C-alpha atoms as a PDB file:
ATOM      1  CA  MET A   1       6.483 -67.657  14.194  1.00  0.00           C
ATOM      2  CA  SER A   2       5.819 -65.108  16.843  1.00  0.00           C
ATOM      3  CA  GLY A   3       6.750 -61.439  16.895  1.00  0.00           C
ATOM      4  CA  LEU A   4       9.837 -62.223  18.960  1.00  0.00           C
ATOM      5  CA  ASP A   5      11.201 -64.603  16.351  1.00  0.00           C
ATOM      6  CA  VAL A   6      10.933 -61.932  13.641  1.00  0.00           C
ATOM      7  CA  ASN A   7      12.838 -59.486  15.831  1.00  0.00           C
ATOM      8  CA  LYS A   8      15.607 -62.030  16.403  1.00  0.00           C
ATOM      9  CA  VAL A   9      15.988 -62.488  12.678  1.00  0.00           C
ATOM     10  CA  THR A  10      16.159 -58.755  11.828  1.00  0.00           C
ATOM     11  CA  VAL A  11      18.261 -57.522  14.753  1.00  0.00           C
ATOM     12  CA  PRO A  12      21.755 -58.622  13.650  1.00  0.00           C
ATOM     13  CA  PRO A  13      21.670 -56.778  10.273  1.00  0.00           C
ATOM     14  CA  GLN A  14      20.344 -53.670  12.025  1.00  0.00           C
ATOM     15  CA  LEU A  15      23.129 -53.802  14.610  1.00  0.00           C
ATOM     16  CA  GLN A  16      25.717 -54.154  11.866  1.00  0.00           C
ATOM     17  CA  SER A  17      24.410 -51.080  10.008  1.00  0.00           C
ATOM     18  CA  VAL A  18      24.348 -48.999  13.213  1.00  0.00           C
ATOM     19  CA  GLU A  19      27.952 -49.943  14.016  1.00  0.00           C
ATOM     20  CA  ALA A  20      29.003 -49.011  10.472  1.00  0.00           C
ATOM     21  CA  ILE A  21      27.320 -45.606  10.729  1.00  0.00           C
ATOM     22  CA  GLU A  22      28.971 -44.888  14.100  1.00  0.00           C
ATOM     23  CA  LYS A  23      32.389 -45.679  12.632  1.00  0.00           C
ATOM     24  CA  GLU A  24      31.830 -43.374   9.620  1.00  0.00           C
ATOM     25  CA  GLN A  25      30.490 -40.339  11.523  1.00  0.00           C
ATOM     26  CA  PRO A  26      33.723 -39.347  13.322  1.00  0.00           C
ATOM     27  CA  LYS A  27      35.573 -39.588  10.002  1.00  0.00           C
ATOM     28  CA  ALA A  28      32.994 -37.312   8.292  1.00  0.00           C
ATOM     29  CA  ALA A  29      33.301 -34.713  11.065  1.00  0.00           C
ATOM     30  CA  GLU A  30      37.114 -34.724  10.697  1.00  0.00           C
ATOM     31  CA  ILE A  31      36.844 -34.293   6.923  1.00  0.00           C
ATOM     32  CA  LYS A  32      34.449 -31.332   7.231  1.00  0.00           C
ATOM     33  CA  SER A  33      36.669 -29.555   9.745  1.00  0.00           C
ATOM     34  CA  ALA A  34      39.751 -30.116   7.574  1.00  0.00           C
ATOM     35  CA  VAL A  35      38.154 -28.842   4.377  1.00  0.00           C
ATOM     36  CA  ILE A  36      36.493 -25.661   5.724  1.00  0.00           C
ATOM     37  CA  PRO A  37      38.605 -24.235   8.572  1.00  0.00           C
ATOM     38  CA  ASN A  38      37.674 -20.510   8.687  1.00  0.00           C
ATOM     39  CA  GLU A  39      34.741 -20.077   6.293  1.00  0.00           C
ATOM     40  CA  LYS A  40      31.574 -18.511   7.713  1.00  0.00           C
ATOM     41  CA  PRO A  41      28.248 -19.852   6.436  1.00  0.00           C
ATOM     42  CA  ASP A  42      25.720 -17.538   4.789  1.00  0.00           C
ATOM     43  CA  THR A  43      28.138 -14.712   4.118  1.00  0.00           C
ATOM     44  CA  PHE A  44      28.369 -13.001   0.771  1.00  0.00           C
ATOM     45  CA  GLU A  45      31.209 -11.016  -0.688  1.00  0.00           C
ATOM     46  CA  LYS A  46      30.369  -7.918  -2.649  1.00  0.00           C
ATOM     47  CA  SER A  47      31.836  -7.703  -6.088  1.00  0.00           C
ATOM     48  CA  SER A  48      33.319  -4.517  -7.429  1.00  0.00           C
ATOM     49  CA  GLU A  49      30.330  -4.099  -9.776  1.00  0.00           C
ATOM     50  CA  GLN A  50      27.903  -4.198  -6.863  1.00  0.00           C
ATOM     51  CA  GLU A  51      29.944  -1.644  -4.941  1.00  0.00           C
ATOM     52  CA  GLU A  52      29.974   0.696  -7.951  1.00  0.00           C
ATOM     53  CA  ALA A  53      26.203   0.355  -8.378  1.00  0.00           C
ATOM     54  CA  VAL A  54      25.676   1.247  -4.706  1.00  0.00           C
ATOM     55  CA  LYS A  55      27.918   4.323  -5.049  1.00  0.00           C
ATOM     56  CA  GLU A  56      26.022   5.455  -8.172  1.00  0.00           C
ATOM     57  CA  THR A  57      22.646   5.186  -6.452  1.00  0.00           C
ATOM     58  CA  LYS A  58      23.935   7.197  -3.494  1.00  0.00           C
ATOM     59  CA  GLN A  59      25.214   9.904  -5.847  1.00  0.00           C
ATOM     60  CA  ASN A  60      21.903   9.951  -7.738  1.00  0.00           C
ATOM     61  CA  LYS A  61      19.990  10.412  -4.491  1.00  0.00           C
ATOM     62  CA  LYS A  62      22.203  13.348  -3.574  1.00  0.00           C
ATOM     63  CA  THR A  63      21.663  15.038  -6.936  1.00  0.00           C
ATOM     64  CA  GLU A  64      17.889  14.438  -6.875  1.00  0.00           C
ATOM     65  CA  LYS A  65      17.450  16.434  -3.672  1.00  0.00           C
ATOM     66  CA  THR A  66      17.315  19.818  -5.341  1.00  0.00           C
ATOM     67  CA  PRO A  67      15.081  22.437  -3.758  1.00  0.00           C
ATOM     68  CA  LYS A  68      11.664  22.907  -5.358  1.00  0.00           C
ATOM     69  CA  THR A  69      11.017  25.971  -7.436  1.00  0.00           C
ATOM     70  CA  PHE A  70       8.122  28.313  -6.787  1.00  0.00           C
ATOM     71  CA  LYS A  71       6.201  26.781  -9.712  1.00  0.00           C
ATOM     72  CA  GLU A  72       6.583  23.269  -8.272  1.00  0.00           C
ATOM     73  CA  LYS A  73       5.420  24.400  -4.848  1.00  0.00           C
ATOM     74  CA  LEU A  74       2.425  26.164  -6.393  1.00  0.00           C
ATOM     75  CA  ALA A  75       1.613  23.061  -8.453  1.00  0.00           C
ATOM     76  CA  GLY A  76       1.677  20.880  -5.325  1.00  0.00           C
ATOM     77  CA  PHE A  77      -0.601  23.348  -3.556  1.00  0.00           C
ATOM     78  CA  CYS A  78      -3.025  23.312  -6.504  1.00  0.00           C
ATOM     79  CA  LYS A  79      -3.019  19.504  -6.639  1.00  0.00           C
ATOM     80  CA  THR A  80      -3.921  19.357  -2.963  1.00  0.00           C
ATOM     81  CA  PHE A  81      -6.909  21.635  -3.481  1.00  0.00           C
ATOM     82  CA  VAL A  82      -8.020  19.739  -6.590  1.00  0.00           C
ATOM     83  CA  LYS A  83      -7.941  16.406  -4.747  1.00  0.00           C
ATOM     84  CA  THR A  84      -9.696  17.819  -1.706  1.00  0.00           C
ATOM     85  CA  GLY A  85     -12.408  19.356  -3.884  1.00  0.00           C
ATOM     86  CA  GLU A  86     -12.994  16.092  -5.756  1.00  0.00           C
ATOM     87  CA  TYR A  87     -13.269  14.116  -2.533  1.00  0.00           C
ATOM     88  CA  LEU A  88     -15.721  16.649  -1.077  1.00  0.00           C
ATOM     89  CA  LYS A  89     -17.857  16.357  -4.204  1.00  0.00           C
ATOM     90  CA  ALA A  90     -17.746  12.559  -3.868  1.00  0.00           C
ATOM     91  CA  THR A  91     -18.844  12.807  -0.244  1.00  0.00           C
ATOM     92  CA  GLY A  92     -21.803  15.000  -1.181  1.00  0.00           C
ATOM     93  CA  ALA A  93     -22.789  12.733  -4.056  1.00  0.00           C
ATOM     94  CA  THR A  94     -22.563   9.704  -1.766  1.00  0.00           C
ATOM     95  CA  VAL A  95     -24.803  11.296   0.816  1.00  0.00           C
ATOM     96  CA  ILE A  96     -27.346  12.432  -1.763  1.00  0.00           C
ATOM     97  CA  TYR A  97     -27.453   9.500  -4.193  1.00  0.00           C
ATOM     98  CA  GLY A  98     -26.699   6.816  -1.616  1.00  0.00           C
ATOM     99  CA  GLY A  99     -29.275   8.265   0.750  1.00  0.00           C
ATOM    100  CA  LEU A 100     -31.886   8.375  -1.979  1.00  0.00           C
ATOM    101  CA  ALA A 101     -31.190   4.777  -2.999  1.00  0.00           C
ATOM    102  CA  ALA A 102     -31.255   3.522   0.597  1.00  0.00           C
ATOM    103  CA  GLY A 103     -34.415   5.539   1.303  1.00  0.00           C
ATOM    104  CA  ALA A 104     -36.109   4.154  -1.802  1.00  0.00           C
ATOM    105  CA  ILE A 105     -35.298   0.577  -0.793  1.00  0.00           C
ATOM    106  CA  MET A 106     -36.576   1.061   2.734  1.00  0.00           C
ATOM    107  CA  PHE A 107     -39.649   3.033   1.601  1.00  0.00           C
ATOM    108  CA  SER A 108     -40.691   0.354  -0.869  1.00  0.00           C
ATOM    109  CA  ASN A 109     -40.263  -2.300   1.819  1.00  0.00           C
ATOM    110  CA  TRP A 110     -42.218  -0.169   4.284  1.00  0.00           C
ATOM    111  CA  LEU A 111     -45.104   0.094   1.832  1.00  0.00           C
ATOM    112  CA  VAL A 112     -45.186  -3.615   1.074  1.00  0.00           C
ATOM    113  CA  LYS A 113     -44.555  -4.973   4.559  1.00  0.00           C
ATOM    114  CA  GLY A 114     -46.273  -2.204   6.530  1.00  0.00           C
ATOM    115  CA  TRP A 115     -49.574  -2.232   4.661  1.00  0.00           C
ATOM    116  CA  SER A 116     -49.704  -6.015   4.702  1.00  0.00           C
ATOM    117  CA  LYS A 117     -49.226  -5.964   8.486  1.00  0.00           C
ATOM    118  CA  VAL A 118     -51.979  -3.339   8.842  1.00  0.00           C
ATOM    119  CA  PHE A 119     -54.421  -5.326   6.698  1.00  0.00           C
ATOM    120  CA  LYS A 120     -53.616  -8.494   8.629  1.00  0.00           C
ATOM    121  CA  LYS A 121     -54.192  -6.468  11.824  1.00  0.00           C
ATOM    122  CA  GLN A 122     -50.766  -7.337  13.205  1.00  0.00           C
ATOM    123  CA  ILE A 123     -50.035  -3.677  13.961  1.00  0.00           C
ATOM    124  CA  PRO A 124     -52.329  -0.668  14.355  1.00  0.00           C
ATOM    125  CA  PHE A 125     -52.550   1.844  11.510  1.00  0.00           C
ATOM    126  CA  LYS A 126     -51.065   4.628  13.666  1.00  0.00           C
ATOM    127  CA  GLU A 127     -47.969   2.607  14.518  1.00  0.00           C
ATOM    128  CA  MET A 128     -47.154   2.195  10.843  1.00  0.00           C
ATOM    129  CA  PHE A 129     -46.585   5.958  10.600  1.00  0.00           C
ATOM    130  CA  ASN A 130     -45.253   6.595  14.110  1.00  0.00           C
ATOM    131  CA  LYS A 131     -42.607   3.826  13.997  1.00  0.00           C
ATOM    132  CA  PRO A 132     -41.843   3.249  10.319  1.00  0.00           C
ATOM    133  CA  LEU A 133     -38.526   1.450  10.913  1.00  0.00           C
ATOM    134  CA  LYS A 134     -40.345  -1.313  12.767  1.00  0.00           C
ATOM    135  CA  CYS A 135     -42.266  -2.052   9.582  1.00  0.00           C
ATOM    136  CA  VAL A 136     -39.100  -2.377   7.498  1.00  0.00           C
ATOM    137  CA  SER A 137     -37.567  -5.854   7.490  1.00  0.00           C
ATOM    138  CA  LYS A 138     -33.939  -6.537   8.466  1.00  0.00           C
ATOM    139  CA  PRO A 139     -32.933  -7.713   4.975  1.00  0.00           C
ATOM    140  CA  ALA A 140     -34.267  -4.456   3.508  1.00  0.00           C
ATOM    141  CA  LYS A 141     -32.194  -2.460   6.000  1.00  0.00           C
ATOM    142  CA  ILE A 142     -29.117  -4.485   5.094  1.00  0.00           C
ATOM    143  CA  TRP A 143     -29.713  -4.030   1.364  1.00  0.00           C
ATOM    144  CA  ALA A 144     -30.157  -0.301   1.912  1.00  0.00           C
ATOM    145  CA  GLY A 145     -26.766  -0.166   3.646  1.00  0.00           C
ATOM    146  CA  VAL A 146     -25.152  -2.219   0.881  1.00  0.00           C
ATOM    147  CA  ALA A 147     -26.602   0.095  -1.770  1.00  0.00           C
ATOM    148  CA  PHE A 148     -25.340   3.154   0.122  1.00  0.00           C
ATOM    149  CA  ALA A 149     -21.851   1.648   0.425  1.00  0.00           C
ATOM    150  CA  ALA A 150     -21.770   0.603  -3.228  1.00  0.00           C
ATOM    151  CA  ILE A 151     -22.753   4.049  -4.428  1.00  0.00           C
ATOM    152  CA  GLY A 152     -20.192   5.595  -2.079  1.00  0.00           C
ATOM    153  CA  GLY A 153     -17.459   3.303  -3.401  1.00  0.00           C
ATOM    154  CA  PHE A 154     -18.345   4.179  -6.968  1.00  0.00           C
ATOM    155  CA  GLU A 155     -18.361   7.913  -6.262  1.00  0.00           C
ATOM    156  CA  PHE A 156     -15.002   7.818  -4.456  1.00  0.00           C
ATOM    157  CA  ALA A 157     -13.392   5.707  -7.206  1.00  0.00           C
ATOM    158  CA  LYS A 158     -14.650   8.213  -9.756  1.00  0.00           C
ATOM    159  CA  ALA A 159     -13.320  11.096  -7.639  1.00  0.00           C
ATOM    160  CA  TYR A 160      -9.926   9.403  -7.297  1.00  0.00           C
ATOM    161  CA  LEU A 161      -9.628   9.038 -11.069  1.00  0.00           C
ATOM    162  CA  LYS A 162     -10.742  12.627 -11.703  1.00  0.00           C
ATOM    163  CA  ALA A 163      -8.283  13.944  -9.112  1.00  0.00           C
ATOM    164  CA  ASN A 164      -5.446  12.025 -10.770  1.00  0.00           C
ATOM    165  CA  GLN A 165      -6.453  13.412 -14.146  1.00  0.00           C
ATOM    166  CA  HIS A 166      -6.517  16.981 -12.824  1.00  0.00           C
ATOM    167  CA  SER A 167      -3.161  16.585 -11.089  1.00  0.00           C
ATOM    168  CA  ALA A 168      -1.697  15.204 -14.333  1.00  0.00           C
ATOM    169  CA  ASN A 169      -3.024  18.311 -16.113  1.00  0.00           C
ATOM    170  CA  VAL A 170      -1.362  20.505 -13.497  1.00  0.00           C
ATOM    171  CA  ASP A 171       1.950  18.638 -13.969  1.00  0.00           C
ATOM    172  CA  HIS A 172       1.655  18.976 -17.744  1.00  0.00           C
ATOM    173  CA  LYS A 173       1.034  22.697 -17.528  1.00  0.00           C
ATOM    174  CA  LEU A 174       4.007  23.017 -15.170  1.00  0.00           C
ATOM    175  CA  LYS A 175       6.324  21.301 -17.653  1.00  0.00           C
ATOM    176  CA  THR A 176       5.067  23.116 -20.759  1.00  0.00           C
ATOM    177  CA  HIS A 177       4.887  26.667 -19.388  1.00  0.00           C
END
């Protein structure tokens, strides 16, 4: 049997099923149009409970917008200064501790790599002191930057938590006094 013979055998049942589908489709379209004449798809009707909930939230928003008292304004002002002070301390600590850590990493690499280059006579002794960054390897510079960033992240996370604690203390004092 060739490929043509197989097609001859399977074509008549396929033609019969296609004709049956074509006959049924106009009937299905008529049924759909008869059942749903004016309904819009994807529309939702609001129930009375939903409408009441929306009205309540609008009323609550209107009542919440009361003007701040002098104490509340003063507390907000104090919180701003507390947060700013904590972040300034974190910046200073990052510069100091991060700089020291990065400097220590690069200095130790300079000693190890620089002296070995001098003893191997790859660079002159003077150049080791005149151009110290040339003696520091790229991985050491990268690790120094990573250490600086890690210390900075730690200091700022600590400052964020302290600032939140201080602002909570300010809120507590506002409510109790």
